[in-house]
Amino acid sequence: MDAATLCVKGRGHVNIDDTAVVQGLVLLDTRAVADRVGLTYPAVRSRRQRGELPAPDFELSVGPIWLEATIDEWAARAGLVTS
């Protein structure tokens, strides 16, 4: 995945890649979500298309991005184990 730029208050524009830490926040793309919850990439995409994933915290040109906390909360409700 290509690097993307995220505007973070107090830091200006920050380059991010697949998984990035910005001011202590861990950002996850779809592949990183799959790795975190032990699902395949296609399974995560399918769940997202069916509306079973939480809304992304950010929509970037490279795709949806979630905060780690958002995914951890969803995974706990869905009975998935995070790594």
Foldseek 3Di string as FASTA:
>chain_A
DDWFWDQDVPPGIDTDDQWDADPNWIKHFLCRLCQFQVHHSVVSVVCVVVVLADAAPDQTPVGGIHTPVSSVVSCVVVVTHTD
